[in-house]
Protein backbone atom coordinates (compact mmCIF):
# COMPACT_ATOMS: atom_id res chain seq x y z
CA UNK A 1 109.54 96.06 71.90
CA UNK A 2 108.05 99.30 71.99
CA UNK A 3 109.88 102.45 70.58
CA UNK A 4 108.69 105.14 73.58
CA UNK A 5 110.00 105.74 75.99
CA UNK A 6 108.46 107.53 79.71
CA UNK A 7 111.40 109.51 80.26
CA UNK A 8 111.37 110.28 75.86
CA UNK A 9 108.18 111.24 76.38
CA UNK A 10 108.37 113.69 79.02
CA UNK A 11 110.84 116.15 76.95
CA UNK A 12 107.49 116.72 74.72
CA UNK A 13 105.13 117.98 77.64
CA UNK A 14 106.79 118.01 80.64
CA UNK A 15 104.05 119.95 82.54
CA UNK A 16 101.11 118.63 81.63
CA UNK A 17 102.97 115.50 82.82
CA UNK A 18 103.19 116.46 86.33
CA UNK A 19 99.22 116.84 86.43
CA UNK A 20 99.08 113.00 85.71
CA UNK A 21 101.63 112.27 88.66
CA UNK A 22 99.79 113.92 90.64
CA UNK A 23 96.72 112.31 89.82
CA UNK A 24 97.95 108.91 90.82
CA UNK A 25 99.49 110.36 93.96
CA UNK A 26 96.31 111.31 95.27
CA UNK A 27 94.49 107.50 94.12
CA UNK A 28 97.38 105.88 95.09
CA UNK A 29 97.39 107.57 99.06
CA UNK A 30 93.36 107.35 98.06
CA UNK A 31 92.95 103.61 97.96
CA UNK A 32 96.02 102.78 100.33
CA UNK A 33 94.65 104.95 102.98
CA UNK A 34 91.92 102.39 104.31
CA UNK A 35 94.14 99.02 103.94
CA UNK A 36 95.44 98.90 107.39
CA UNK A 37 98.50 97.33 108.71
CA UNK A 38 100.29 95.76 106.11
CA UNK A 39 103.06 93.73 104.45
CA UNK A 40 104.25 94.42 100.70
CA UNK A 41 105.90 90.92 99.20
CA UNK A 42 108.70 90.90 96.35
CA UNK A 43 109.58 88.37 94.33
CA UNK A 44 109.91 86.95 90.29
CA UNK A 45 107.22 87.50 88.23
CA UNK A 46 108.49 84.83 86.17
CA UNK A 47 108.42 81.71 88.29
CA UNK A 48 104.63 79.09 88.02
CA UNK A 49 101.54 78.15 90.14
CA UNK A 50 103.61 74.77 90.45
CA UNK A 51 107.26 76.33 91.51
CA UNK A 52 108.43 76.03 95.20
CA UNK A 53 108.42 80.01 95.24
CA UNK A 54 105.01 80.76 94.30
CA UNK A 55 103.69 77.92 96.57
CA UNK A 56 106.28 80.11 99.45
CA UNK A 57 104.80 83.41 98.59
CA UNK A 58 100.89 82.09 98.59
CA UNK A 59 101.36 80.02 102.42
CA UNK A 60 103.28 83.73 104.06
CA UNK A 61 100.68 85.72 102.86
CA UNK A 62 97.76 83.40 104.04
CA UNK A 63 99.37 83.07 107.41
CA UNK A 64 100.17 87.19 107.50
CA UNK A 65 96.56 87.61 106.53
CA UNK A 66 95.57 85.17 109.04
CA UNK A 67 97.72 87.25 111.54
CA UNK A 68 95.60 90.83 110.78
CA UNK A 69 97.68 92.08 107.86
CA UNK A 70 97.16 93.25 104.33
CA UNK A 71 99.24 91.95 101.74
CA UNK A 72 100.55 94.09 98.97
CA UNK A 73 102.48 93.02 96.09
CA UNK A 74 103.29 94.38 92.39
CA UNK A 75 99.99 92.84 91.59
CA UNK A 76 101.15 90.76 88.18
CA UNK A 77 102.31 86.66 87.72
CA UNK A 78 104.76 84.59 90.06
CA UNK A 79 105.11 85.76 93.68
CA UNK A 80 103.49 88.09 93.17
CA UNK A 81 100.39 86.61 92.54
CA UNK A 82 101.31 83.48 94.96
CA UNK A 83 101.23 86.81 97.75
CA UNK A 84 98.00 88.01 96.32
CA UNK A 85 95.96 84.72 96.00
CA UNK A 86 97.42 83.88 99.40
CA UNK A 87 95.68 86.77 101.37
CA UNK A 88 92.84 86.81 99.17
CA UNK A 89 91.22 83.27 99.23
CA UNK A 90 92.24 83.20 103.37
CA UNK A 91 89.73 86.45 103.63
CA UNK A 92 92.65 89.15 103.78
CA UNK A 93 93.46 92.31 102.36
CA UNK A 94 95.00 91.47 99.13
CA UNK A 95 96.41 95.04 97.28
CA UNK A 96 98.05 94.88 93.91
CA UNK A 97 99.92 97.81 93.19
CA UNK A 98 99.76 97.26 89.22
CA UNK A 99 102.36 98.69 86.65
CA UNK A 100 101.60 98.77 82.77
CA UNK A 101 104.71 97.70 81.00
CA UNK A 102 105.00 96.80 77.24
CA UNK A 103 104.77 92.92 78.24
CA UNK A 104 104.52 90.80 81.03
CA UNK A 105 102.74 92.11 83.69
CA UNK A 106 98.98 91.52 83.73
CA UNK A 107 97.22 92.00 86.85
CA UNK A 108 96.67 88.09 88.50
CA UNK A 109 92.93 88.01 89.41
CA UNK A 110 93.50 87.93 93.34
CA UNK A 111 93.12 91.49 94.66
CA UNK A 112 89.85 93.33 96.26
CA UNK A 113 92.07 96.42 96.13
CA UNK A 114 93.61 97.54 92.45
CA UNK A 115 95.42 100.04 92.21
CA UNK A 116 96.86 100.76 88.48
CA UNK A 117 100.20 102.78 87.88
CA UNK A 118 102.26 104.39 85.03
CA UNK A 119 104.83 106.04 86.90
CA UNK A 120 107.62 103.54 89.07
CA UNK A 121 108.41 105.96 91.60
CA UNK A 122 105.49 106.73 92.74
CA UNK A 123 104.51 102.72 92.47
CA UNK A 124 107.14 102.33 94.96
CA UNK A 125 106.62 104.79 97.43
CA UNK A 126 103.43 102.98 98.28
CA UNK A 127 105.16 100.11 98.92
CA UNK A 128 107.33 101.60 101.19
CA UNK A 129 104.48 103.94 103.01
CA UNK A 130 101.99 101.66 104.20
CA UNK A 131 104.11 98.82 105.43
CA UNK A 132 105.44 97.27 108.02
CA UNK A 133 107.45 95.23 106.58
CA UNK A 134 108.61 94.33 103.67
CA UNK A 135 109.59 90.18 102.92
CA UNK A 136 111.71 89.40 99.34
CA UNK A 137 111.46 86.18 97.95
CA UNK A 138 114.25 85.10 95.17
CA UNK A 139 113.63 87.75 92.27
CA UNK A 140 115.58 89.15 89.73
CA UNK A 141 116.50 92.63 88.86
CA UNK A 142 112.09 94.73 89.88
CA UNK A 143 113.46 92.97 93.44
CA UNK A 144 116.61 93.80 93.69
CA UNK A 145 115.80 97.62 93.37
CA UNK A 146 112.52 97.55 95.22
CA UNK A 147 114.90 95.63 97.73
CA UNK A 148 118.59 98.09 98.01
CA UNK A 149 116.51 101.22 97.35
CA UNK A 150 113.79 100.72 100.21
CA UNK A 151 117.37 99.59 102.95
CA UNK A 152 118.83 103.11 101.24
CA UNK A 153 115.87 105.03 102.86
CA UNK A 154 115.96 103.33 105.74
CA UNK A 155 120.38 103.84 105.94
CA UNK A 156 119.73 107.28 105.49
CA UNK A 157 116.93 107.75 107.91
CA UNK A 158 114.20 109.28 105.63
CA UNK A 159 112.04 106.44 106.62
CA UNK A 160 111.18 104.45 109.82
CA UNK A 161 113.48 101.29 110.41
CA UNK A 162 110.81 98.08 109.65
CA UNK A 163 112.10 95.40 109.31
CA UNK A 164 113.26 93.52 105.78
CA UNK A 165 113.21 89.61 105.51
CA UNK A 166 115.14 87.68 102.67
CA UNK A 167 113.18 84.32 102.36
CA UNK A 168 115.24 81.38 101.50
CA UNK A 169 118.72 81.16 102.50
CA UNK A 170 120.14 79.34 99.61
CA UNK A 171 119.39 82.14 97.61
CA UNK A 172 120.26 84.74 99.52
CA UNK A 173 123.17 83.55 101.64
CA UNK A 174 125.50 84.20 98.42
CA UNK A 175 124.81 87.87 97.89
CA UNK A 176 124.99 88.68 101.90
CA UNK A 177 128.26 86.86 101.59
CA UNK A 178 128.93 89.21 99.30
CA UNK A 179 127.61 92.03 101.03
CA UNK A 180 129.97 90.96 104.19
CA UNK A 181 133.11 90.19 102.48
CA UNK A 182 133.27 92.99 99.41
CA UNK A 183 131.04 95.78 100.46
CA UNK A 184 131.58 95.64 104.42
CA UNK A 185 134.91 94.54 104.23
CA UNK A 186 135.79 97.62 102.34
CA UNK A 187 134.12 99.83 104.62
CA UNK A 188 131.25 100.61 102.43
CA UNK A 189 128.63 99.39 104.75
CA UNK A 190 128.74 98.88 108.07
CA UNK A 191 127.96 95.52 109.99
CA UNK A 192 124.79 97.63 111.84
CA UNK A 193 123.23 98.47 108.38
CA UNK A 194 123.57 95.21 106.97
CA UNK A 195 122.11 93.71 110.14
CA UNK A 196 119.05 95.98 108.35
CA UNK A 197 118.42 92.64 106.23
CA UNK A 198 117.12 89.57 107.82
CA UNK A 199 117.84 85.98 105.54
CA UNK A 200 114.74 83.18 107.04
CA UNK A 201 113.05 80.55 105.81
CA UNK A 202 110.39 79.54 108.48
CA UNK A 203 107.10 81.21 106.74
CA UNK A 204 105.78 80.68 110.73
CA UNK A 205 108.65 82.53 112.59
CA UNK A 206 108.89 84.70 109.77
CA UNK A 207 105.69 85.63 110.52
CA UNK A 208 105.52 85.80 114.38
CA UNK A 209 108.61 88.70 113.88
CA UNK A 210 106.92 90.59 111.94
CA UNK A 211 103.71 90.07 114.59
CA UNK A 212 106.12 91.30 117.35
CA UNK A 213 107.38 93.60 115.80
CA UNK A 214 104.49 95.64 115.02
CA UNK A 215 103.18 94.68 118.75
CA UNK A 216 105.63 95.97 120.24
CA UNK A 217 107.11 99.31 117.17
CA UNK A 218 110.47 97.74 116.77
CA UNK A 219 110.98 100.67 114.55
CA UNK A 220 111.25 102.77 116.77
CA UNK A 221 113.77 100.88 118.90
CA UNK A 222 116.93 101.83 118.16
CA UNK A 223 117.65 98.01 117.55
CA UNK A 224 115.07 97.98 115.46
CA UNK A 225 114.76 93.92 114.70
CA UNK A 226 117.34 92.68 116.60
CA UNK A 227 115.23 93.77 119.95
CA UNK A 228 113.58 90.67 119.50
CA UNK A 229 113.31 88.66 121.97
CA UNK A 230 114.48 85.05 120.56
CA UNK A 231 117.57 87.45 118.64
CA UNK A 232 117.99 88.51 122.57
CA UNK A 233 119.01 85.35 123.55
CA UNK A 234 120.95 84.54 120.67
CA UNK A 235 123.43 87.37 120.74
CA UNK A 236 121.63 89.16 118.48
CA UNK A 237 122.12 86.39 115.63
CA UNK A 238 119.05 84.75 114.33
CA UNK A 239 118.90 81.09 113.61
CA UNK A 240 115.71 79.24 113.10
CA UNK A 241 117.19 75.97 113.38
CA UNK A 242 117.12 76.83 108.97
CA UNK A 243 121.09 77.71 108.88
CA UNK A 244 119.31 81.38 108.87
CA UNK A 245 122.04 83.94 108.42
CA UNK A 246 121.99 87.57 108.88
């Protein structure tokens, strides 16, 4: 484990380090401004190519590419690699936002747009700024960090209300139950804020809802993704036959 931490280094040459941050921002904006409508895919870096999460990410990315969406991932292994692979092999735009880490992270080979970052906050800005939707597969602290930062920005009206999908009801429903029964029950969030998160299992239904939202600009609607005709027909609840729930 490295004895050098970025925040510790910043106390030495803070002023000069700002120029490096600016350079990362400029490079990121320049590279990302040409990718077109994109979906950011998140999930664990610690799964292998034969794990179901990897294959699910690949399939989702392939289907998104076939609908004309670029795919953005963190550029590393696991779910990120699966997402990049699905987009890359289907001839789509496959973006990797690679982060410099002392261990674990190495760029995967399935990227045709690759941007390197030293600072997490700049990298996270690119995920949010250029995405029309977030797709979060099972993951750890990093995936949860990206999920909750984005939903907080939507909650506080700092960014548009783009759809956020949690893929895998078996993994995510316990968290949604906790948010509803503990956090919402205490009044710390509202039911409408919890509705910003959609748990889903079916990749085809996922991609269809993203495509509908982008076409109809659902993020400009007061209801957001809840304005989707299927949600309206089900009284606002999502049900694709896989026991999904919000």
